[in-house]
PDB file of N, CA and C in Angstrom:
ATOM      1  N   MET A   1     -53.692 -86.972 -54.633  1.00  0.00           N
ATOM      2  CA  MET A   1     -52.835 -87.303 -55.732  1.00  0.00           C
ATOM      3  C   MET A   1     -52.088 -85.601 -56.440  1.00  0.00           C
ATOM      4  N   TRP A   2     -53.100 -84.926 -56.755  1.00  0.00           N
ATOM      5  CA  TRP A   2     -52.812 -83.819 -57.413  1.00  0.00           C
ATOM      6  C   TRP A   2     -52.017 -82.787 -56.390  1.00  0.00           C
ATOM      7  N   LYS A   3     -52.453 -82.872 -55.196  1.00  0.00           N
ATOM      8  CA  LYS A   3     -51.669 -81.750 -54.119  1.00  0.00           C
ATOM      9  C   LYS A   3     -50.216 -82.434 -53.860  1.00  0.00           C
ATOM     10  N   SER A   4     -50.048 -83.837 -53.932  1.00  0.00           N
ATOM     11  CA  SER A   4     -49.136 -84.457 -54.020  1.00  0.00           C
ATOM     12  C   SER A   4     -48.000 -83.913 -54.735  1.00  0.00           C
ATOM     13  N   ILE A   5     -48.496 -84.010 -56.007  1.00  0.00           N
ATOM     14  CA  ILE A   5     -47.427 -83.627 -57.017  1.00  0.00           C
ATOM     15  C   ILE A   5     -47.330 -82.015 -57.153  1.00  0.00           C
ATOM     16  N   GLU A   6     -48.189 -81.194 -56.702  1.00  0.00           N
ATOM     17  CA  GLU A   6     -47.885 -79.856 -56.304  1.00  0.00           C
ATOM     18  C   GLU A   6     -46.939 -79.530 -55.320  1.00  0.00           C
ATOM     19  N   LEU A   7     -46.939 -80.054 -54.352  1.00  0.00           N
ATOM     20  CA  LEU A   7     -46.174 -80.315 -53.283  1.00  0.00           C
ATOM     21  C   LEU A   7     -44.870 -80.477 -53.632  1.00  0.00           C
ATOM     22  N   LYS A   8     -44.667 -81.435 -54.237  1.00  0.00           N
ATOM     23  CA  LYS A   8     -43.094 -81.799 -55.003  1.00  0.00           C
ATOM     24  C   LYS A   8     -42.748 -80.941 -55.560  1.00  0.00           C
ATOM     25  N   LYS A   9     -43.450 -80.232 -56.653  1.00  0.00           N
ATOM     26  CA  LYS A   9     -42.905 -78.968 -57.462  1.00  0.00           C
ATOM     27  C   LYS A   9     -42.628 -77.841 -56.811  1.00  0.00           C
ATOM     28  N   ARG A  10     -43.236 -77.705 -55.310  1.00  0.00           N
ATOM     29  CA  ARG A  10     -42.812 -76.558 -54.753  1.00  0.00           C
ATOM     30  C   ARG A  10     -41.626 -76.381 -54.102  1.00  0.00           C
ATOM     31  N   LYS A  11     -41.413 -77.741 -53.743  1.00  0.00           N
ATOM     32  CA  LYS A  11     -40.208 -77.905 -53.060  1.00  0.00           C
ATOM     33  C   LYS A  11     -38.841 -77.980 -53.819  1.00  0.00           C
ATOM     34  N   LYS A  12     -39.086 -78.065 -55.089  1.00  0.00           N
ATOM     35  CA  LYS A  12     -37.728 -77.861 -55.845  1.00  0.00           C
ATOM     36  C   LYS A  12     -37.442 -76.268 -56.227  1.00  0.00           C
ATOM     37  N   LYS A  13     -38.249 -75.546 -55.894  1.00  0.00           N
ATOM     38  CA  LYS A  13     -37.850 -73.961 -56.062  1.00  0.00           C
ATOM     39  C   LYS A  13     -37.101 -73.580 -55.260  1.00  0.00           C
ATOM     40  N   MET A  14     -36.234 -72.488 -55.506  1.00  0.00           N
ATOM     41  CA  MET A  14     -34.955 -71.993 -54.970  1.00  0.00           C
ATOM     42  C   MET A  14     -35.780 -70.954 -54.038  1.00  0.00           C
ATOM     43  N   LYS A  15     -35.146 -70.871 -52.870  1.00  0.00           N
ATOM     44  CA  LYS A  15     -35.316 -69.854 -52.106  1.00  0.00           C
ATOM     45  C   LYS A  15     -34.123 -69.266 -51.663  1.00  0.00           C
ATOM     46  N   LEU A  16     -34.089 -67.940 -51.080  1.00  0.00           N
ATOM     47  CA  LEU A  16     -32.699 -67.074 -50.742  1.00  0.00           C
ATOM     48  C   LEU A  16     -32.263 -68.054 -49.742  1.00  0.00           C
ATOM     49  N   SER A  17     -31.011 -67.810 -49.248  1.00  0.00           N
ATOM     50  CA  SER A  17     -30.565 -68.657 -48.356  1.00  0.00           C
ATOM     51  C   SER A  17     -30.834 -67.775 -47.007  1.00  0.00           C
ATOM     52  N   LYS A  18     -30.645 -68.357 -45.866  1.00  0.00           N
ATOM     53  CA  LYS A  18     -30.955 -67.618 -44.702  1.00  0.00           C
ATOM     54  C   LYS A  18     -29.815 -66.946 -43.976  1.00  0.00           C
ATOM     55  N   SER A  19     -28.552 -66.883 -44.684  1.00  0.00           N
ATOM     56  CA  SER A  19     -27.616 -66.022 -44.506  1.00  0.00           C
ATOM     57  C   SER A  19     -28.003 -64.756 -45.348  1.00  0.00           C
ATOM     58  N   PHE A  20     -28.065 -64.911 -46.747  1.00  0.00           N
ATOM     59  CA  PHE A  20     -28.401 -63.942 -47.472  1.00  0.00           C
ATOM     60  C   PHE A  20     -29.891 -63.009 -46.983  1.00  0.00           C
ATOM     61  N   SER A  21     -30.834 -63.886 -46.303  1.00  0.00           N
ATOM     62  CA  SER A  21     -32.084 -63.206 -45.916  1.00  0.00           C
ATOM     63  C   SER A  21     -31.558 -62.165 -44.623  1.00  0.00           C
ATOM     64  N   GLY A  22     -30.806 -62.984 -43.959  1.00  0.00           N
ATOM     65  CA  GLY A  22     -30.315 -62.186 -42.524  1.00  0.00           C
ATOM     66  C   GLY A  22     -29.854 -60.818 -42.880  1.00  0.00           C
ATOM     67  N   ALA A  23     -28.791 -61.023 -43.990  1.00  0.00           N
ATOM     68  CA  ALA A  23     -27.873 -59.510 -44.286  1.00  0.00           C
ATOM     69  C   ALA A  23     -28.682 -58.621 -45.033  1.00  0.00           C
ATOM     70  N   LEU A  24     -29.836 -59.107 -45.712  1.00  0.00           N
ATOM     71  CA  LEU A  24     -30.694 -58.126 -46.445  1.00  0.00           C
ATOM     72  C   LEU A  24     -31.699 -57.448 -45.384  1.00  0.00           C
ATOM     73  N   ARG A  25     -32.015 -58.306 -44.454  1.00  0.00           N
ATOM     74  CA  ARG A  25     -32.967 -57.687 -43.501  1.00  0.00           C
ATOM     75  C   ARG A  25     -32.125 -56.934 -42.377  1.00  0.00           C
ATOM     76  N   THR A  26     -30.930 -57.197 -42.095  1.00  0.00           N
ATOM     77  CA  THR A  26     -30.353 -56.195 -41.253  1.00  0.00           C
ATOM     78  C   THR A  26     -30.157 -55.023 -42.106  1.00  0.00           C
ATOM     79  N   PHE A  27     -29.519 -55.020 -43.235  1.00  0.00           N
ATOM     80  CA  PHE A  27     -29.258 -53.785 -44.029  1.00  0.00           C
ATOM     81  C   PHE A  27     -30.702 -52.891 -44.143  1.00  0.00           C
ATOM     82  N   ALA A  28     -31.681 -53.667 -44.328  1.00  0.00           N
ATOM     83  CA  ALA A  28     -32.840 -52.862 -44.417  1.00  0.00           C
ATOM     84  C   ALA A  28     -33.139 -52.041 -43.159  1.00  0.00           C
ATOM     85  N   TYR A  29     -32.988 -52.602 -41.998  1.00  0.00           N
ATOM     86  CA  TYR A  29     -33.487 -52.343 -40.756  1.00  0.00           C
ATOM     87  C   TYR A  29     -32.593 -50.929 -40.476  1.00  0.00           C
ATOM     88  N   PHE A  30     -31.387 -51.038 -40.690  1.00  0.00           N
ATOM     89  CA  PHE A  30     -30.386 -49.881 -40.390  1.00  0.00           C
ATOM     90  C   PHE A  30     -30.494 -48.646 -41.360  1.00  0.00           C
ATOM     91  N   ILE A  31     -31.194 -49.077 -42.581  1.00  0.00           N
ATOM     92  CA  ILE A  31     -31.177 -47.776 -43.361  1.00  0.00           C
ATOM     93  C   ILE A  31     -32.928 -47.235 -43.031  1.00  0.00           C
ATOM     94  N   ALA A  32     -33.819 -48.210 -42.750  1.00  0.00           N
ATOM     95  CA  ALA A  32     -35.113 -47.499 -42.438  1.00  0.00           C
ATOM     96  C   ALA A  32     -35.189 -46.951 -41.145  1.00  0.00           C
ATOM     97  N   SER A  33     -34.429 -47.335 -40.179  1.00  0.00           N
ATOM     98  CA  SER A  33     -34.050 -46.499 -38.814  1.00  0.00           C
ATOM     99  C   SER A  33     -33.199 -45.605 -38.760  1.00  0.00           C
ATOM    100  N   GLU A  34     -32.601 -45.236 -39.721  1.00  0.00           N
ATOM    101  CA  GLU A  34     -31.535 -44.251 -39.548  1.00  0.00           C
ATOM    102  C   GLU A  34     -30.531 -44.290 -38.597  1.00  0.00           C
ATOM    103  N   THR A  35     -29.997 -45.683 -38.691  1.00  0.00           N
ATOM    104  CA  THR A  35     -28.980 -45.998 -37.550  1.00  0.00           C
ATOM    105  C   THR A  35     -27.912 -46.603 -38.110  1.00  0.00           C
ATOM    106  N   HIS A  36     -27.490 -46.683 -39.417  1.00  0.00           N
ATOM    107  CA  HIS A  36     -26.533 -47.073 -39.917  1.00  0.00           C
ATOM    108  C   HIS A  36     -25.245 -46.308 -39.649  1.00  0.00           C
ATOM    109  N   TYR A  37     -24.133 -47.123 -38.911  1.00  0.00           N
ATOM    110  CA  TYR A  37     -23.256 -46.033 -38.624  1.00  0.00           C
ATOM    111  C   TYR A  37     -22.205 -45.332 -39.537  1.00  0.00           C
ATOM    112  N   GLN A  38     -22.614 -45.633 -40.746  1.00  0.00           N
ATOM    113  CA  GLN A  38     -21.787 -45.041 -42.101  1.00  0.00           C
ATOM    114  C   GLN A  38     -22.685 -43.801 -42.249  1.00  0.00           C
ATOM    115  N   LEU A  39     -23.769 -43.995 -41.974  1.00  0.00           N
ATOM    116  CA  LEU A  39     -24.629 -42.457 -42.182  1.00  0.00           C
ATOM    117  C   LEU A  39     -25.010 -41.620 -41.229  1.00  0.00           C
ATOM    118  N   LYS A  40     -24.065 -41.763 -40.142  1.00  0.00           N
ATOM    119  CA  LYS A  40     -24.551 -40.794 -38.902  1.00  0.00           C
ATOM    120  C   LYS A  40     -24.152 -39.332 -39.619  1.00  0.00           C
ATOM    121  N   GLY A  41     -25.189 -38.807 -39.271  1.00  0.00           N
ATOM    122  CA  GLY A  41     -25.197 -37.402 -39.441  1.00  0.00           C
ATOM    123  C   GLY A  41     -25.844 -36.958 -40.921  1.00  0.00           C
ATOM    124  N   VAL A  42     -25.971 -37.656 -41.651  1.00  0.00           N
ATOM    125  CA  VAL A  42     -26.557 -37.612 -43.101  1.00  0.00           C
ATOM    126  C   VAL A  42     -27.962 -37.652 -42.963  1.00  0.00           C
ATOM    127  N   ASN A  43     -28.729 -36.623 -43.584  1.00  0.00           N
ATOM    128  CA  ASN A  43     -30.061 -36.540 -43.506  1.00  0.00           C
ATOM    129  C   ASN A  43     -30.546 -37.173 -44.615  1.00  0.00           C
ATOM    130  N   TYR A  44     -31.031 -38.542 -44.685  1.00  0.00           N
ATOM    131  CA  TYR A  44     -31.347 -39.183 -45.864  1.00  0.00           C
ATOM    132  C   TYR A  44     -33.033 -39.630 -45.949  1.00  0.00           C
ATOM    133  N   LEU A  45     -33.419 -39.641 -44.693  1.00  0.00           N
ATOM    134  CA  LEU A  45     -34.756 -40.487 -44.550  1.00  0.00           C
ATOM    135  C   LEU A  45     -35.679 -39.617 -45.429  1.00  0.00           C
ATOM    136  N   ASP A  46     -35.646 -38.508 -45.703  1.00  0.00           N
ATOM    137  CA  ASP A  46     -36.725 -38.044 -46.664  1.00  0.00           C
ATOM    138  C   ASP A  46     -36.775 -38.802 -48.304  1.00  0.00           C
ATOM    139  N   LEU A  47     -35.481 -39.119 -48.530  1.00  0.00           N
ATOM    140  CA  LEU A  47     -35.517 -39.876 -49.844  1.00  0.00           C
ATOM    141  C   LEU A  47     -36.555 -40.873 -49.861  1.00  0.00           C
ATOM    142  N   PHE A  48     -36.810 -41.591 -48.741  1.00  0.00           N
ATOM    143  CA  PHE A  48     -37.977 -42.553 -48.954  1.00  0.00           C
ATOM    144  C   PHE A  48     -39.482 -42.019 -49.661  1.00  0.00           C
ATOM    145  N   GLY A  49     -39.576 -40.727 -49.579  1.00  0.00           N
ATOM    146  CA  GLY A  49     -40.804 -40.147 -50.047  1.00  0.00           C
ATOM    147  C   GLY A  49     -40.726 -39.036 -51.197  1.00  0.00           C
ATOM    148  N   GLU A  50     -39.421 -38.788 -50.957  1.00  0.00           N
ATOM    149  CA  GLU A  50     -39.256 -37.722 -52.247  1.00  0.00           C
ATOM    150  C   GLU A  50     -38.301 -38.300 -53.285  1.00  0.00           C
ATOM    151  N   GLU A  51     -37.407 -38.970 -53.003  1.00  0.00           N
ATOM    152  CA  GLU A  51     -36.375 -39.584 -54.055  1.00  0.00           C
ATOM    153  C   GLU A  51     -36.452 -41.100 -53.787  1.00  0.00           C
ATOM    154  N   PRO A  52     -37.442 -41.959 -53.999  1.00  0.00           N
ATOM    155  CA  PRO A  52     -37.610 -43.353 -53.763  1.00  0.00           C
ATOM    156  C   PRO A  52     -36.623 -44.145 -54.728  1.00  0.00           C
ATOM    157  N   SER A  53     -36.380 -43.341 -55.916  1.00  0.00           N
ATOM    158  CA  SER A  53     -35.301 -44.203 -56.797  1.00  0.00           C
ATOM    159  C   SER A  53     -33.996 -44.120 -56.198  1.00  0.00           C
ATOM    160  N   ALA A  54     -33.516 -43.384 -55.308  1.00  0.00           N
ATOM    161  CA  ALA A  54     -32.323 -43.203 -54.394  1.00  0.00           C
ATOM    162  C   ALA A  54     -32.150 -44.467 -53.726  1.00  0.00           C
ATOM    163  N   ILE A  55     -33.124 -44.771 -52.733  1.00  0.00           N
ATOM    164  CA  ILE A  55     -33.077 -45.822 -51.966  1.00  0.00           C
ATOM    165  C   ILE A  55     -33.304 -47.104 -52.792  1.00  0.00           C
ATOM    166  N   GLU A  56     -33.706 -47.156 -54.095  1.00  0.00           N
ATOM    167  CA  GLU A  56     -34.010 -48.263 -54.922  1.00  0.00           C
ATOM    168  C   GLU A  56     -32.693 -48.725 -55.361  1.00  0.00           C
ATOM    169  N   GLN A  57     -31.621 -47.569 -55.663  1.00  0.00           N
ATOM    170  CA  GLN A  57     -30.568 -47.737 -56.265  1.00  0.00           C
ATOM    171  C   GLN A  57     -29.564 -47.991 -55.128  1.00  0.00           C
ATOM    172  N   ALA A  58     -29.605 -47.903 -54.062  1.00  0.00           N
ATOM    173  CA  ALA A  58     -28.859 -48.303 -52.951  1.00  0.00           C
ATOM    174  C   ALA A  58     -29.197 -49.595 -52.540  1.00  0.00           C
ATOM    175  N   PHE A  59     -30.594 -49.996 -52.568  1.00  0.00           N
ATOM    176  CA  PHE A  59     -30.790 -51.596 -52.492  1.00  0.00           C
ATOM    177  C   PHE A  59     -30.264 -52.407 -53.805  1.00  0.00           C
ATOM    178  N   ALA A  60     -30.165 -51.736 -54.965  1.00  0.00           N
ATOM    179  CA  ALA A  60     -29.528 -52.369 -56.022  1.00  0.00           C
ATOM    180  C   ALA A  60     -28.112 -52.840 -55.943  1.00  0.00           C
ATOM    181  N   ILE A  61     -27.553 -51.906 -55.377  1.00  0.00           N
ATOM    182  CA  ILE A  61     -26.036 -51.842 -55.401  1.00  0.00           C
ATOM    183  C   ILE A  61     -25.699 -52.814 -54.288  1.00  0.00           C
ATOM    184  N   PHE A  62     -26.348 -52.919 -53.228  1.00  0.00           N
ATOM    185  CA  PHE A  62     -26.310 -53.905 -52.233  1.00  0.00           C
ATOM    186  C   PHE A  62     -26.457 -55.395 -52.696  1.00  0.00           C
ATOM    187  N   ALA A  63     -27.581 -55.699 -53.579  1.00  0.00           N
ATOM    188  CA  ALA A  63     -27.785 -57.123 -53.956  1.00  0.00           C
ATOM    189  C   ALA A  63     -26.981 -57.383 -55.233  1.00  0.00           C
ATOM    190  N   ASN A  64     -26.521 -56.374 -56.028  1.00  0.00           N
ATOM    191  CA  ASN A  64     -25.359 -56.746 -57.001  1.00  0.00           C
ATOM    192  C   ASN A  64     -23.856 -56.821 -56.359  1.00  0.00           C
ATOM    193  N   VAL A  65     -23.698 -56.305 -55.391  1.00  0.00           N
ATOM    194  CA  VAL A  65     -22.450 -56.476 -54.792  1.00  0.00           C
ATOM    195  C   VAL A  65     -22.196 -57.772 -53.785  1.00  0.00           C
ATOM    196  N   ILE A  66     -23.337 -58.055 -53.223  1.00  0.00           N
ATOM    197  CA  ILE A  66     -23.248 -58.959 -52.179  1.00  0.00           C
ATOM    198  C   ILE A  66     -22.675 -60.401 -52.953  1.00  0.00           C
ATOM    199  N   GLU A  67     -21.740 -61.164 -52.217  1.00  0.00           N
ATOM    200  CA  GLU A  67     -21.268 -62.525 -52.520  1.00  0.00           C
ATOM    201  C   GLU A  67     -21.701 -63.777 -51.619  1.00  0.00           C
ATOM    202  N   LEU A  68     -22.049 -64.689 -52.298  1.00  0.00           N
ATOM    203  CA  LEU A  68     -22.265 -65.982 -51.443  1.00  0.00           C
ATOM    204  C   LEU A  68     -21.263 -67.035 -51.978  1.00  0.00           C
ATOM    205  N   ASP A  69     -21.034 -67.883 -50.722  1.00  0.00           N
ATOM    206  CA  ASP A  69     -19.884 -68.946 -51.109  1.00  0.00           C
ATOM    207  C   ASP A  69     -21.031 -70.214 -51.513  1.00  0.00           C
ATOM    208  N   GLU A  70     -20.293 -71.448 -51.900  1.00  0.00           N
ATOM    209  CA  GLU A  70     -21.197 -72.597 -52.502  1.00  0.00           C
ATOM    210  C   GLU A  70     -22.176 -73.077 -51.489  1.00  0.00           C
ATOM    211  N   ASN A  71     -22.166 -72.664 -50.279  1.00  0.00           N
ATOM    212  CA  ASN A  71     -23.181 -73.204 -49.140  1.00  0.00           C
ATOM    213  C   ASN A  71     -24.286 -71.918 -48.999  1.00  0.00           C
ATOM    214  N   GLU A  72     -23.883 -70.982 -49.919  1.00  0.00           N
ATOM    215  CA  GLU A  72     -24.997 -69.893 -49.730  1.00  0.00           C
ATOM    216  C   GLU A  72     -25.156 -68.966 -48.491  1.00  0.00           C
ATOM    217  N   ASN A  73     -23.598 -68.902 -47.961  1.00  0.00           N
ATOM    218  CA  ASN A  73     -23.553 -68.164 -47.007  1.00  0.00           C
ATOM    219  C   ASN A  73     -22.769 -66.839 -47.312  1.00  0.00           C
ATOM    220  N   VAL A  74     -23.031 -65.855 -47.015  1.00  0.00           N
ATOM    221  CA  VAL A  74     -22.856 -64.049 -47.310  1.00  0.00           C
ATOM    222  C   VAL A  74     -21.138 -63.943 -46.847  1.00  0.00           C
ATOM    223  N   LEU A  75     -20.639 -63.834 -48.158  1.00  0.00           N
ATOM    224  CA  LEU A  75     -19.194 -63.382 -47.654  1.00  0.00           C
ATOM    225  C   LEU A  75     -18.703 -62.106 -47.306  1.00  0.00           C
ATOM    226  N   ASN A  76     -19.457 -61.072 -47.966  1.00  0.00           N
ATOM    227  CA  ASN A  76     -19.055 -59.678 -47.768  1.00  0.00           C
ATOM    228  C   ASN A  76     -20.334 -58.717 -47.545  1.00  0.00           C
ATOM    229  N   ALA A  77     -20.984 -59.070 -46.524  1.00  0.00           N
ATOM    230  CA  ALA A  77     -22.245 -58.343 -46.368  1.00  0.00           C
ATOM    231  C   ALA A  77     -21.844 -56.602 -45.600  1.00  0.00           C
ATOM    232  N   LYS A  78     -20.687 -56.444 -45.100  1.00  0.00           N
ATOM    233  CA  LYS A  78     -20.238 -55.368 -44.602  1.00  0.00           C
ATOM    234  C   LYS A  78     -19.714 -54.397 -45.928  1.00  0.00           C
ATOM    235  N   TYR A  79     -19.117 -55.134 -46.724  1.00  0.00           N
ATOM    236  CA  TYR A  79     -18.715 -54.224 -47.956  1.00  0.00           C
ATOM    237  C   TYR A  79     -19.727 -54.042 -48.891  1.00  0.00           C
ATOM    238  N   ALA A  80     -20.749 -54.887 -49.047  1.00  0.00           N
ATOM    239  CA  ALA A  80     -22.090 -54.686 -49.634  1.00  0.00           C
ATOM    240  C   ALA A  80     -22.707 -53.509 -49.267  1.00  0.00           C
ATOM    241  N   GLU A  81     -22.894 -53.465 -47.905  1.00  0.00           N
ATOM    242  CA  GLU A  81     -23.401 -52.378 -47.142  1.00  0.00           C
ATOM    243  C   GLU A  81     -22.780 -51.141 -47.634  1.00  0.00           C
ATOM    244  N   LYS A  82     -21.346 -51.029 -47.353  1.00  0.00           N
ATOM    245  CA  LYS A  82     -20.436 -49.767 -47.600  1.00  0.00           C
ATOM    246  C   LYS A  82     -20.950 -49.155 -48.883  1.00  0.00           C
ATOM    247  N   ARG A  83     -20.777 -50.082 -50.021  1.00  0.00           N
ATOM    248  CA  ARG A  83     -20.967 -49.601 -51.383  1.00  0.00           C
ATOM    249  C   ARG A  83     -22.442 -48.905 -51.469  1.00  0.00           C
ATOM    250  N   ALA A  84     -23.609 -49.547 -50.677  1.00  0.00           N
ATOM    251  CA  ALA A  84     -24.908 -49.081 -50.841  1.00  0.00           C
ATOM    252  C   ALA A  84     -24.953 -48.019 -50.136  1.00  0.00           C
ATOM    253  N   VAL A  85     -24.545 -47.913 -48.694  1.00  0.00           N
ATOM    254  CA  VAL A  85     -24.766 -46.549 -48.144  1.00  0.00           C
ATOM    255  C   VAL A  85     -23.729 -45.357 -48.527  1.00  0.00           C
ATOM    256  N   ASP A  86     -22.590 -45.717 -49.292  1.00  0.00           N
ATOM    257  CA  ASP A  86     -21.923 -44.647 -50.013  1.00  0.00           C
ATOM    258  C   ASP A  86     -22.896 -43.913 -51.137  1.00  0.00           C
ATOM    259  N   TYR A  87     -23.388 -44.780 -51.757  1.00  0.00           N
ATOM    260  CA  TYR A  87     -24.452 -44.237 -52.757  1.00  0.00           C
ATOM    261  C   TYR A  87     -25.360 -43.053 -52.110  1.00  0.00           C
ATOM    262  N   ILE A  88     -25.927 -43.493 -51.154  1.00  0.00           N
ATOM    263  CA  ILE A  88     -27.097 -42.708 -50.470  1.00  0.00           C
ATOM    264  C   ILE A  88     -26.356 -41.617 -49.926  1.00  0.00           C
ATOM    265  N   ARG A  89     -25.134 -41.516 -49.436  1.00  0.00           N
ATOM    266  CA  ARG A  89     -24.407 -40.494 -48.917  1.00  0.00           C
ATOM    267  C   ARG A  89     -23.717 -39.528 -50.080  1.00  0.00           C
ATOM    268  N   SER A  90     -23.330 -40.127 -51.403  1.00  0.00           N
ATOM    269  CA  SER A  90     -23.006 -39.062 -52.247  1.00  0.00           C
ATOM    270  C   SER A  90     -24.135 -38.410 -52.817  1.00  0.00           C
ATOM    271  N   PHE A  91     -25.515 -39.222 -52.867  1.00  0.00           N
ATOM    272  CA  PHE A  91     -26.616 -38.605 -53.320  1.00  0.00           C
ATOM    273  C   PHE A  91     -27.285 -37.277 -52.110  1.00  0.00           C
ATOM    274  N   CYS A  92     -26.780 -37.392 -51.203  1.00  0.00           N
ATOM    275  CA  CYS A  92     -27.330 -36.501 -50.273  1.00  0.00           C
ATOM    276  C   CYS A  92     -26.285 -35.189 -49.762  1.00  0.00           C
ATOM    277  N   GLU A  93     -24.967 -35.573 -50.111  1.00  0.00           N
ATOM    278  CA  GLU A  93     -23.630 -34.807 -50.041  1.00  0.00           C
ATOM    279  C   GLU A  93     -23.097 -34.613 -51.043  1.00  0.00           C
ATOM    280  N   SER A  94     -23.391 -33.612 -51.856  1.00  0.00           N
ATOM    281  CA  SER A  94     -22.342 -33.588 -53.149  1.00  0.00           C
ATOM    282  C   SER A  94     -21.028 -33.546 -53.111  1.00  0.00           C
ATOM    283  N   GLU A  95     -20.250 -33.425 -51.882  1.00  0.00           N
ATOM    284  CA  GLU A  95     -18.956 -33.287 -51.877  1.00  0.00           C
ATOM    285  C   GLU A  95     -18.252 -34.590 -51.631  1.00  0.00           C
ATOM    286  N   PHE A  96     -19.125 -35.513 -51.217  1.00  0.00           N
ATOM    287  CA  PHE A  96     -18.749 -36.938 -50.851  1.00  0.00           C
ATOM    288  C   PHE A  96     -18.369 -37.709 -52.140  1.00  0.00           C
ATOM    289  N   GLU A  97     -17.440 -38.240 -52.350  1.00  0.00           N
ATOM    290  CA  GLU A  97     -16.872 -38.973 -53.552  1.00  0.00           C
ATOM    291  C   GLU A  97     -16.991 -40.350 -53.092  1.00  0.00           C
ATOM    292  N   VAL A  98     -17.272 -41.336 -53.836  1.00  0.00           N
ATOM    293  CA  VAL A  98     -17.408 -42.604 -53.653  1.00  0.00           C
ATOM    294  C   VAL A  98     -15.855 -43.073 -54.313  1.00  0.00           C
ATOM    295  N   GLN A  99     -15.388 -44.000 -53.358  1.00  0.00           N
ATOM    296  CA  GLN A  99     -14.237 -44.466 -53.933  1.00  0.00           C
ATOM    297  C   GLN A  99     -14.002 -46.177 -53.588  1.00  0.00           C
ATOM    298  N   PRO A 100     -13.496 -46.821 -54.502  1.00  0.00           N
ATOM    299  CA  PRO A 100     -13.568 -46.532 -55.669  1.00  0.00           C
ATOM    300  C   PRO A 100     -14.869 -46.289 -56.382  1.00  0.00           C
ATOM    301  N   PRO A 101     -14.654 -45.665 -57.753  1.00  0.00           N
ATOM    302  CA  PRO A 101     -15.839 -45.349 -58.060  1.00  0.00           C
ATOM    303  C   PRO A 101     -16.759 -46.514 -58.562  1.00  0.00           C
ATOM    304  N   TYR A 102     -17.819 -46.340 -58.655  1.00  0.00           N
ATOM    305  CA  TYR A 102     -18.771 -47.607 -59.119  1.00  0.00           C
ATOM    306  C   TYR A 102     -18.489 -48.075 -60.474  1.00  0.00           C
ATOM    307  N   GLU A 103     -18.499 -49.411 -60.831  1.00  0.00           N
ATOM    308  CA  GLU A 103     -18.484 -49.978 -62.014  1.00  0.00           C
ATOM    309  C   GLU A 103     -19.816 -50.315 -62.291  1.00  0.00           C
ATOM    310  N   ASP A 104     -20.174 -50.599 -63.610  1.00  0.00           N
ATOM    311  CA  ASP A 104     -21.620 -50.353 -64.101  1.00  0.00           C
ATOM    312  C   ASP A 104     -22.241 -51.463 -63.693  1.00  0.00           C
ATOM    313  N   TRP A 105     -21.443 -52.728 -63.303  1.00  0.00           N
ATOM    314  CA  TRP A 105     -22.368 -53.889 -62.796  1.00  0.00           C
ATOM    315  C   TRP A 105     -22.828 -53.769 -61.662  1.00  0.00           C
ATOM    316  N   GLU A 106     -22.081 -52.676 -60.753  1.00  0.00           N
ATOM    317  CA  GLU A 106     -22.640 -52.758 -59.486  1.00  0.00           C
ATOM    318  C   GLU A 106     -24.066 -51.699 -59.277  1.00  0.00           C
ATOM    319  N   THR A 107     -23.930 -50.747 -60.283  1.00  0.00           N
ATOM    320  CA  THR A 107     -25.282 -50.047 -59.986  1.00  0.00           C
ATOM    321  C   THR A 107     -26.359 -50.552 -61.063  1.00  0.00           C
ATOM    322  N   GLU A 108     -26.380 -51.522 -62.004  1.00  0.00           N
ATOM    323  CA  GLU A 108     -27.368 -52.336 -62.580  1.00  0.00           C
ATOM    324  C   GLU A 108     -28.645 -52.173 -62.339  1.00  0.00           C
ATOM    325  N   LEU A 109     -29.785 -51.731 -62.582  1.00  0.00           N
ATOM    326  CA  LEU A 109     -31.029 -52.122 -62.289  1.00  0.00           C
ATOM    327  C   LEU A 109     -31.593 -52.987 -63.275  1.00  0.00           C
ATOM    328  N   TYR A 110     -31.988 -54.399 -62.402  1.00  0.00           N
ATOM    329  CA  TYR A 110     -32.499 -55.271 -63.495  1.00  0.00           C
ATOM    330  C   TYR A 110     -34.185 -55.316 -63.462  1.00  0.00           C
ATOM    331  N   SER A 111     -34.727 -56.181 -64.405  1.00  0.00           N
ATOM    332  CA  SER A 111     -36.171 -55.927 -64.792  1.00  0.00           C
ATOM    333  C   SER A 111     -37.022 -56.279 -63.438  1.00  0.00           C
ATOM    334  N   ALA A 112     -37.997 -55.542 -63.185  1.00  0.00           N
ATOM    335  CA  ALA A 112     -39.063 -55.793 -61.912  1.00  0.00           C
ATOM    336  C   ALA A 112     -39.749 -57.252 -62.553  1.00  0.00           C
ATOM    337  N   PRO A 113     -39.994 -57.918 -61.278  1.00  0.00           N
ATOM    338  CA  PRO A 113     -40.891 -59.119 -61.563  1.00  0.00           C
ATOM    339  C   PRO A 113     -42.153 -58.926 -62.126  1.00  0.00           C
ATOM    340  N   PRO A 114     -42.661 -59.989 -62.807  1.00  0.00           N
ATOM    341  CA  PRO A 114     -44.057 -59.769 -63.384  1.00  0.00           C
ATOM    342  C   PRO A 114     -45.149 -59.271 -62.265  1.00  0.00           C
ATOM    343  N   LEU A 115     -45.986 -58.802 -62.704  1.00  0.00           N
ATOM    344  CA  LEU A 115     -47.179 -58.337 -61.812  1.00  0.00           C
ATOM    345  C   LEU A 115     -47.997 -59.370 -60.990  1.00  0.00           C
ATOM    346  N   GLN A 116     -47.960 -60.625 -61.685  1.00  0.00           N
ATOM    347  CA  GLN A 116     -48.610 -61.626 -60.944  1.00  0.00           C
ATOM    348  C   GLN A 116     -47.453 -62.706 -60.890  1.00  0.00           C
ATOM    349  N   ASP A 117     -47.598 -63.284 -59.645  1.00  0.00           N
ATOM    350  CA  ASP A 117     -46.717 -64.608 -59.419  1.00  0.00           C
ATOM    351  C   ASP A 117     -46.728 -65.347 -60.384  1.00  0.00           C
ATOM    352  N   ILE A 118     -45.935 -66.311 -60.449  1.00  0.00           N
ATOM    353  CA  ILE A 118     -45.777 -67.413 -61.703  1.00  0.00           C
ATOM    354  C   ILE A 118     -46.377 -68.667 -61.165  1.00  0.00           C
ATOM    355  N   ILE A 119     -46.192 -68.862 -59.758  1.00  0.00           N
ATOM    356  CA  ILE A 119     -46.789 -70.054 -59.233  1.00  0.00           C
ATOM    357  C   ILE A 119     -48.246 -69.600 -58.357  1.00  0.00           C
TER     358      ILE A 119
END
């Protein structure tokens, strides 16, 4: 009986949509493999070890900008990617200017999750 109640509770938990998961996975792959077409010629892989906060900020921008419809389908994956990779490019190339400039909500860093899972 206890396991049955526990399973019902877990079924009520929200999960990220498959659409968002796919968009995030694709973005992460292109960033980690240095194959994102908008970053050709930009030497940024060293940021992973030397300036991880720059990578953190890029992923925050991606997550803040991406939009989902009422069915949790991603509407603007390429735009979210562009805003995120523009940040990386501007970090690596001081002459690159992000247009339009970021709004505060795009670059917001939200609290980290607790050190232990809730469930």
